């Protein structure tokens, strides 16, 4: 198949549209799944410590962890 400038532009636009939709779905998944974990820690403890606390919390999510309630620790 010969590609003309018009068909290349159409192909790029279509692939760009698909990539845009994929990225938007990933962002929406992040907002729904991970934002609740990061939001409270960052609001309470700031960006650096809040991110560290959120990552620790996410790393404890595995089948061998005893579980339980994991509230945001109070600010010092």
C-alpha atoms as a PDB file:
ATOM      1  CA  UNK A   1       0.000   0.000   0.000  1.00  0.00           C
ATOM      2  CA  UNK A   2       1.325   3.411  -0.930  1.00  0.00           C
ATOM      3  CA  UNK A   3       1.206   6.056   1.729  1.00  0.00           C
ATOM      4  CA  UNK A   4       0.406   9.572   0.685  1.00  0.00           C
ATOM      5  CA  UNK A   5       0.749  12.494   3.054  1.00  0.00           C
ATOM      6  CA  UNK A   6      -3.014  12.405   3.622  1.00  0.00           C
ATOM      7  CA  UNK A   7      -3.092   8.695   4.529  1.00  0.00           C
ATOM      8  CA  UNK A   8      -0.075   9.088   6.832  1.00  0.00           C
ATOM      9  CA  UNK A   9      -1.790  11.960   8.595  1.00  0.00           C
ATOM     10  CA  UNK A  10      -4.968   9.917   8.956  1.00  0.00           C
ATOM     11  CA  UNK A  11      -2.988   6.955  10.348  1.00  0.00           C
ATOM     12  CA  UNK A  12      -1.143   9.197  12.815  1.00  0.00           C
ATOM     13  CA  UNK A  13      -4.369  10.831  13.905  1.00  0.00           C
ATOM     14  CA  UNK A  14      -6.030   7.448  14.475  1.00  0.00           C
ATOM     15  CA  UNK A  15      -3.077   6.054  16.450  1.00  0.00           C
ATOM     16  CA  UNK A  16      -2.837   9.307  18.398  1.00  0.00           C
ATOM     17  CA  UNK A  17      -6.511   8.990  19.284  1.00  0.00           C
ATOM     18  CA  UNK A  18      -6.019   5.413  20.503  1.00  0.00           C
ATOM     19  CA  UNK A  19      -2.957   6.371  22.570  1.00  0.00           C
ATOM     20  CA  UNK A  20      -4.854   9.307  24.045  1.00  0.00           C
ATOM     21  CA  UNK A  21      -7.696   7.017  25.109  1.00  0.00           C
ATOM     22  CA  UNK A  22      -5.265   4.513  26.656  1.00  0.00           C
ATOM     23  CA  UNK A  23      -3.529   7.251  28.641  1.00  0.00           C
ATOM     24  CA  UNK A  24      -6.828   8.700  29.818  1.00  0.00           C
ATOM     25  CA  UNK A  25      -7.964   5.272  31.023  1.00  0.00           C
ATOM     26  CA  UNK A  26      -4.665   4.790  32.894  1.00  0.00           C
ATOM     27  CA  UNK A  27      -5.038   8.201  34.540  1.00  0.00           C
ATOM     28  CA  UNK A  28      -8.625   7.432  35.542  1.00  0.00           C
ATOM     29  CA  UNK A  29      -7.532   4.083  37.026  1.00  0.00           C
ATOM     30  CA  UNK A  30      -4.818   5.863  39.001  1.00  0.00           C
ATOM     31  CA  UNK A  31      -7.314   8.395  40.299  1.00  0.00           C
ATOM     32  CA  UNK A  32      -9.780   5.732  41.379  1.00  0.00           C
ATOM     33  CA  UNK A  33      -7.322   3.161  42.757  1.00  0.00           C
ATOM     34  CA  UNK A  34      -4.260   4.948  44.109  1.00  0.00           C
ATOM     35  CA  UNK A  35      -5.300   8.534  44.748  1.00  0.00           C
ATOM     36  CA  UNK A  36      -7.132   7.643  47.981  1.00  0.00           C
ATOM     37  CA  UNK A  37      -3.894   6.106  49.317  1.00  0.00           C
ATOM     38  CA  UNK A  38      -1.696   9.079  48.429  1.00  0.00           C
ATOM     39  CA  UNK A  39      -4.162  11.894  49.089  1.00  0.00           C
ATOM     40  CA  UNK A  40      -4.424  11.659  52.866  1.00  0.00           C
ATOM     41  CA  UNK A  41      -0.722  11.185  53.503  1.00  0.00           C
ATOM     42  CA  UNK A  42       0.356  14.036  51.228  1.00  0.00           C
ATOM     43  CA  UNK A  43      -2.255  16.411  52.675  1.00  0.00           C
ATOM     44  CA  UNK A  44      -1.176  15.625  56.227  1.00  0.00           C
ATOM     45  CA  UNK A  45       2.589  15.134  55.926  1.00  0.00           C
ATOM     46  CA  UNK A  46       3.660  17.008  52.781  1.00  0.00           C
ATOM     47  CA  UNK A  47       4.981  15.725  49.468  1.00  0.00           C
ATOM     48  CA  UNK A  48       8.140  13.866  50.485  1.00  0.00           C
ATOM     49  CA  UNK A  49       7.080  12.165  53.725  1.00  0.00           C
ATOM     50  CA  UNK A  50       3.520  11.664  52.447  1.00  0.00           C
ATOM     51  CA  UNK A  51       4.750   9.866  49.326  1.00  0.00           C
ATOM     52  CA  UNK A  52       7.032   7.674  51.441  1.00  0.00           C
ATOM     53  CA  UNK A  53       4.163   6.746  53.784  1.00  0.00           C
ATOM     54  CA  UNK A  54       1.849   6.002  50.845  1.00  0.00           C
ATOM     55  CA  UNK A  55       4.440   3.791  49.141  1.00  0.00           C
ATOM     56  CA  UNK A  56       5.027   1.883  52.384  1.00  0.00           C
ATOM     57  CA  UNK A  57       1.292   1.412  52.696  1.00  0.00           C
ATOM     58  CA  UNK A  58       0.994   0.087  49.134  1.00  0.00           C
ATOM     59  CA  UNK A  59       3.956  -2.266  49.595  1.00  0.00           C
ATOM     60  CA  UNK A  60       2.213  -3.842  52.586  1.00  0.00           C
ATOM     61  CA  UNK A  61      -0.706  -4.858  50.334  1.00  0.00           C
ATOM     62  CA  UNK A  62       0.094  -8.524  49.744  1.00  0.00           C
ATOM     63  CA  UNK A  63      -1.516 -11.837  50.689  1.00  0.00           C
ATOM     64  CA  UNK A  64       0.815 -12.515  53.636  1.00  0.00           C
ATOM     65  CA  UNK A  65       0.229  -9.218  55.446  1.00  0.00           C
ATOM     66  CA  UNK A  66      -2.120  -9.626  58.415  1.00  0.00           C
ATOM     67  CA  UNK A  67      -4.213  -6.668  57.202  1.00  0.00           C
ATOM     68  CA  UNK A  68      -6.341  -4.459  59.370  1.00  0.00           C
ATOM     69  CA  UNK A  69      -7.068  -0.772  59.450  1.00  0.00           C
ATOM     70  CA  UNK A  70      -4.208   1.432  58.273  1.00  0.00           C
ATOM     71  CA  UNK A  71      -5.079   5.045  59.079  1.00  0.00           C
ATOM     72  CA  UNK A  72      -2.903   8.026  58.212  1.00  0.00           C
ATOM     73  CA  UNK A  73      -0.586   8.676  61.181  1.00  0.00           C
ATOM     74  CA  UNK A  74      -1.005  12.084  62.824  1.00  0.00           C
ATOM     75  CA  UNK A  75       1.395  14.870  61.851  1.00  0.00           C
ATOM     76  CA  UNK A  76       4.231  15.560  64.241  1.00  0.00           C
END
